[in-house]
Amino acid sequence: MASDTPKATLTLNKIGSGFGKNNVTGGIVNTLKFKRNAFNASLAVSDKTVYPFANAKKLVDVVATTDYKLPKGGVTANAKYELGPKKYQVGATWDGKVANRGTTLKGWYSNKDKLVSGEGTINVNKNQKANLTFNQKKLLTAKYTLNKGTFTYEPSYNFDKKAPAIAITKKIKANTLKVAYDLKSEGASLEFNKQPFKLTVSTVIAKKFNRIDKPTVSAVFEKTYNF
């Protein structure tokens, strides 16, 4: 089984007075995926891979991944390799139960930062779960997810930045509307997701100086084709 997922992004930065072509960015990433029994592989390239043409020799933005689910134990071994900078990541994921609760543990090593990192997610019950990310040096983030009806509430904390945040998602039929706010950076965003499109508007709402910065709008098209 194979699939192809093109993803196109267009971003308009700081819309308002002084807006020009330098405020417009975009790009395309295409990911091919292959699956055979317990083995999965993918190869991703972007528009920067082929243009400028010199990038093709440098293998810019060419990323390969593989994963293999072991027959027993709920363990999946995985690897990721960025061909251009020769950066790799190797790790494993374990799915099982801790204290009779569904749990996912991930661990990996990357030569990009030369750190062992990890992530743990535990299902408190069918509507709630807790998530932690960390590396060998410190705890990075904590997030709690609560599903209630058509709403999802996600309070979180970034230990590195000492920044609490909150996100609320509303499901509208097959679509979602998400609002998020970072209490430290005062960054706010509104995201509307209607497959295969996603539209995000973000800005800074500064209470102290009673101002709202120029907004940034990002549009994404992403769709998977199976063959």
Protein backbone atom coordinates (compact mmCIF):
# COMPACT_ATOMS: atom_id res chain seq x y z
CA MET A 1 0.00 0.00 0.00
CA ALA A 2 1.23 3.48 -0.85
CA SER A 3 0.05 7.06 -0.50
CA ASP A 4 1.05 10.53 -1.61
CA THR A 5 0.45 13.65 0.52
CA PRO A 6 1.08 17.08 -1.02
CA LYS A 7 1.08 20.01 1.42
CA ALA A 8 1.05 23.63 0.21
CA THR A 9 1.43 26.60 2.57
CA LEU A 10 0.89 30.31 1.97
CA THR A 11 1.64 32.84 4.73
CA LEU A 12 0.89 36.57 4.79
CA ASN A 13 2.97 38.13 7.55
CA LYS A 14 1.94 41.25 9.48
CA ILE A 15 -0.95 42.37 7.32
CA GLY A 16 -1.43 46.14 7.41
CA SER A 17 0.45 49.32 6.49
CA GLY A 18 3.78 48.59 4.82
CA PHE A 19 2.66 45.16 3.64
CA GLY A 20 4.56 44.05 0.52
CA LYS A 21 5.90 41.02 -1.33
CA ASN A 22 8.52 40.46 1.37
CA ASN A 23 5.67 39.70 3.75
CA VAL A 24 4.48 36.80 1.58
CA THR A 25 6.02 33.34 1.96
CA GLY A 26 4.99 29.91 0.81
CA GLY A 27 6.14 26.43 0.05
CA ILE A 28 5.22 22.91 -0.98
CA VAL A 29 6.16 19.63 0.70
CA ASN A 30 5.32 16.29 -0.88
CA THR A 31 5.48 13.06 1.13
CA LEU A 32 5.38 9.56 -0.34
CA LYS A 33 4.53 6.77 2.09
CA PHE A 34 4.85 3.03 1.70
CA LYS A 35 3.40 0.32 3.94
CA ARG A 36 4.01 -3.40 3.89
CA ASN A 37 2.73 -5.41 6.85
CA ALA A 38 4.50 -4.06 9.96
CA PHE A 39 6.97 -1.92 7.98
CA ASN A 40 6.39 1.72 7.02
CA ALA A 41 8.61 4.15 5.13
CA SER A 42 8.29 7.68 3.80
CA LEU A 43 10.25 10.13 1.68
CA ALA A 44 9.53 13.86 1.79
CA VAL A 45 10.81 16.61 -0.53
CA SER A 46 9.92 20.28 -0.86
CA ASP A 47 9.97 22.97 -3.53
CA LYS A 48 13.35 24.02 -2.09
CA THR A 49 14.71 20.59 -3.01
CA VAL A 50 14.59 21.41 -6.72
CA TYR A 51 14.75 25.22 -6.79
CA PRO A 52 17.20 26.86 -6.86
CA PHE A 53 18.65 24.00 -8.91
CA ALA A 54 21.84 23.91 -6.83
CA ASN A 55 19.73 22.65 -3.94
CA ALA A 56 19.13 19.35 -5.73
CA LYS A 57 22.78 18.37 -5.32
CA LYS A 58 22.68 19.40 -1.68
CA LEU A 59 19.51 17.32 -1.07
CA VAL A 60 17.86 20.24 0.71
CA ASP A 61 14.66 19.29 2.59
CA VAL A 62 14.91 15.59 1.65
CA VAL A 63 13.78 13.56 4.66
CA ALA A 64 13.41 9.78 4.90
CA THR A 65 11.66 7.91 7.72
CA THR A 66 11.11 4.25 8.58
CA ASP A 67 9.33 2.39 11.34
CA TYR A 68 8.82 -1.27 12.14
CA LYS A 69 6.36 -2.69 14.66
CA LEU A 70 7.85 -5.63 16.49
CA PRO A 71 5.71 -8.79 16.63
CA LYS A 72 5.42 -8.69 20.43
CA GLY A 73 5.64 -6.18 23.26
CA GLY A 74 3.87 -3.21 21.67
CA VAL A 75 7.18 -1.68 20.56
CA THR A 76 7.75 0.16 17.28
CA ALA A 77 11.31 1.01 16.23
CA ASN A 78 11.69 4.16 14.14
CA ALA A 79 14.29 6.27 12.40
CA LYS A 80 14.46 9.59 10.58
CA TYR A 81 17.25 10.89 8.33
CA GLU A 82 17.72 14.35 6.80
CA LEU A 83 19.87 13.65 3.75
CA GLY A 84 21.19 17.20 3.21
CA PRO A 85 22.68 18.00 6.63
CA LYS A 86 23.14 14.28 7.43
CA LYS A 87 21.10 14.57 10.61
CA TYR A 88 19.47 11.46 12.00
CA GLN A 89 17.06 10.46 14.74
CA VAL A 90 16.59 6.92 16.05
CA GLY A 91 14.15 5.77 18.68
CA ALA A 92 11.26 3.58 19.73
CA THR A 93 7.62 3.86 20.77
CA TRP A 94 5.89 1.64 23.32
CA ASP A 95 2.10 1.30 23.53
CA GLY A 96 0.71 -0.52 26.53
CA LYS A 97 -0.86 -0.04 29.94
CA VAL A 98 0.43 1.46 33.19
CA ALA A 99 -1.83 1.13 36.25
CA ASN A 100 -4.48 -0.23 33.88
CA ARG A 101 -4.45 2.98 31.83
CA GLY A 102 -3.53 3.20 28.17
CA THR A 103 -0.03 4.63 27.88
CA THR A 104 2.31 5.65 25.07
CA LEU A 105 6.01 6.21 25.72
CA LYS A 106 8.40 7.53 23.09
CA GLY A 107 12.16 7.91 23.25
CA TRP A 108 14.73 8.96 20.67
CA TYR A 109 18.27 10.21 20.13
CA SER A 110 19.12 12.90 17.60
CA ASN A 111 22.60 13.89 16.45
CA LYS A 112 21.16 17.33 15.63
CA ASP A 113 21.14 18.35 19.29
CA LYS A 114 22.98 15.29 20.64
CA LEU A 115 20.27 14.70 23.21
CA VAL A 116 18.09 11.82 24.29
CA SER A 117 14.50 13.05 24.34
CA GLY A 118 11.14 11.53 25.13
CA GLU A 119 7.41 11.90 25.42
CA GLY A 120 4.84 10.21 27.62
CA THR A 121 1.06 10.17 27.24
CA ILE A 122 -1.35 8.47 29.64
CA ASN A 123 -5.08 8.14 29.18
CA VAL A 124 -6.59 9.10 32.53
CA ASN A 125 -10.00 8.01 31.22
CA LYS A 126 -11.79 7.97 27.87
CA ASN A 127 -12.15 11.78 27.90
CA GLN A 128 -8.91 12.90 29.54
CA LYS A 129 -5.20 12.41 28.97
CA ALA A 130 -1.94 13.87 30.24
CA ASN A 131 1.19 14.47 28.19
CA LEU A 132 4.81 15.29 29.10
CA THR A 133 7.83 15.98 26.87
CA PHE A 134 11.40 16.02 28.15
CA ASN A 135 15.04 15.43 27.32
CA GLN A 136 17.97 14.10 29.30
CA LYS A 137 18.52 17.52 30.85
CA LYS A 138 15.07 18.78 31.78
CA LEU A 139 11.31 18.63 31.57
CA LEU A 140 10.09 20.57 28.53
CA THR A 141 6.29 20.72 28.38
CA ALA A 142 3.17 19.45 30.13
CA LYS A 143 -0.33 19.32 28.66
CA TYR A 144 -3.69 18.06 29.85
CA THR A 145 -6.47 17.29 27.38
CA LEU A 146 -10.12 17.22 28.39
CA ASN A 147 -12.87 16.28 25.92
CA LYS A 148 -16.35 17.40 26.87
CA GLY A 149 -19.07 17.06 24.26
CA THR A 150 -18.00 18.90 21.11
CA PHE A 151 -15.31 20.86 22.99
CA THR A 152 -11.68 19.98 23.73
CA TYR A 153 -9.79 21.94 26.41
CA GLU A 154 -5.98 21.87 26.48
CA PRO A 155 -4.17 23.78 29.23
CA SER A 156 -0.39 23.48 28.89
CA TYR A 157 2.88 24.74 30.33
CA ASN A 158 6.27 25.29 28.68
CA PHE A 159 8.89 24.81 31.43
CA ASP A 160 11.72 26.20 29.30
CA LYS A 161 9.92 29.47 28.59
CA LYS A 162 7.94 29.44 31.87
CA ALA A 163 4.86 30.01 29.75
CA PRO A 164 1.33 28.77 30.50
CA ALA A 165 -1.11 28.50 27.58
CA ILE A 166 -4.64 27.40 26.84
CA ALA A 167 -6.30 26.05 23.70
CA ILE A 168 -10.00 25.34 23.13
CA THR A 169 -11.25 23.40 20.12
CA LYS A 170 -14.86 23.23 19.00
CA LYS A 171 -15.96 20.46 16.67
CA ILE A 172 -18.47 21.62 14.07
CA LYS A 173 -19.70 18.54 12.19
CA ALA A 174 -16.56 17.32 10.35
CA ASN A 175 -14.73 20.63 10.89
CA THR A 176 -12.91 22.19 13.85
CA LEU A 177 -12.47 25.72 15.18
CA LYS A 178 -9.58 26.26 17.59
CA VAL A 179 -8.58 29.30 19.63
CA ALA A 180 -5.28 29.40 21.54
CA TYR A 181 -3.55 31.92 23.82
CA ASP A 182 -0.05 32.00 25.32
CA LEU A 183 -0.16 33.94 28.59
CA LYS A 184 3.53 34.88 28.50
CA SER A 185 4.10 35.90 24.88
CA GLU A 186 0.45 37.07 24.66
CA GLY A 187 0.27 35.36 21.29
CA ALA A 188 -3.24 34.48 20.19
CA SER A 189 -4.41 32.38 17.26
CA LEU A 190 -7.66 31.31 15.65
CA GLU A 191 -7.60 28.19 13.46
CA PHE A 192 -10.33 26.81 11.22
CA ASN A 193 -9.83 23.31 9.85
CA LYS A 194 -11.98 22.01 7.02
CA GLN A 195 -10.20 19.14 5.31
CA PRO A 196 -8.15 19.45 3.20
CA PHE A 197 -7.80 23.14 4.13
CA LYS A 198 -6.62 24.88 7.29
CA LEU A 199 -6.70 28.63 7.88
CA THR A 200 -4.90 30.25 10.83
CA VAL A 201 -4.94 33.88 11.96
CA SER A 202 -2.40 34.81 14.65
CA THR A 203 -1.40 38.01 16.42
CA VAL A 204 -0.20 39.42 19.74
CA ILE A 205 -2.79 40.85 22.10
CA ALA A 206 -0.84 42.89 24.65
CA LYS A 207 -2.90 43.79 27.70
CA LYS A 208 -0.26 46.01 29.31
CA PHE A 209 0.02 48.37 26.36
CA ASN A 210 -3.56 47.86 25.18
CA ARG A 211 -2.55 46.92 21.63
CA ILE A 212 -3.14 44.28 19.00
CA ASP A 213 -0.27 43.62 16.58
CA LYS A 214 -0.67 43.25 12.84
CA PRO A 215 -2.10 39.80 12.17
CA THR A 216 -0.46 36.97 10.25
CA VAL A 217 -2.63 34.70 8.10
CA SER A 218 -1.57 31.20 7.08
CA ALA A 219 -3.42 28.92 4.67
CA VAL A 220 -2.57 25.23 4.28
CA PHE A 221 -3.77 22.63 1.78
CA GLU A 222 -2.96 19.02 2.69
CA LYS A 223 -4.56 15.91 1.26
CA THR A 224 -3.57 12.24 1.13
CA TYR A 225 -4.12 10.16 -2.00
CA ASN A 226 -3.97 6.38 -1.61
CA PHE A 227 -2.98 4.07 -4.46
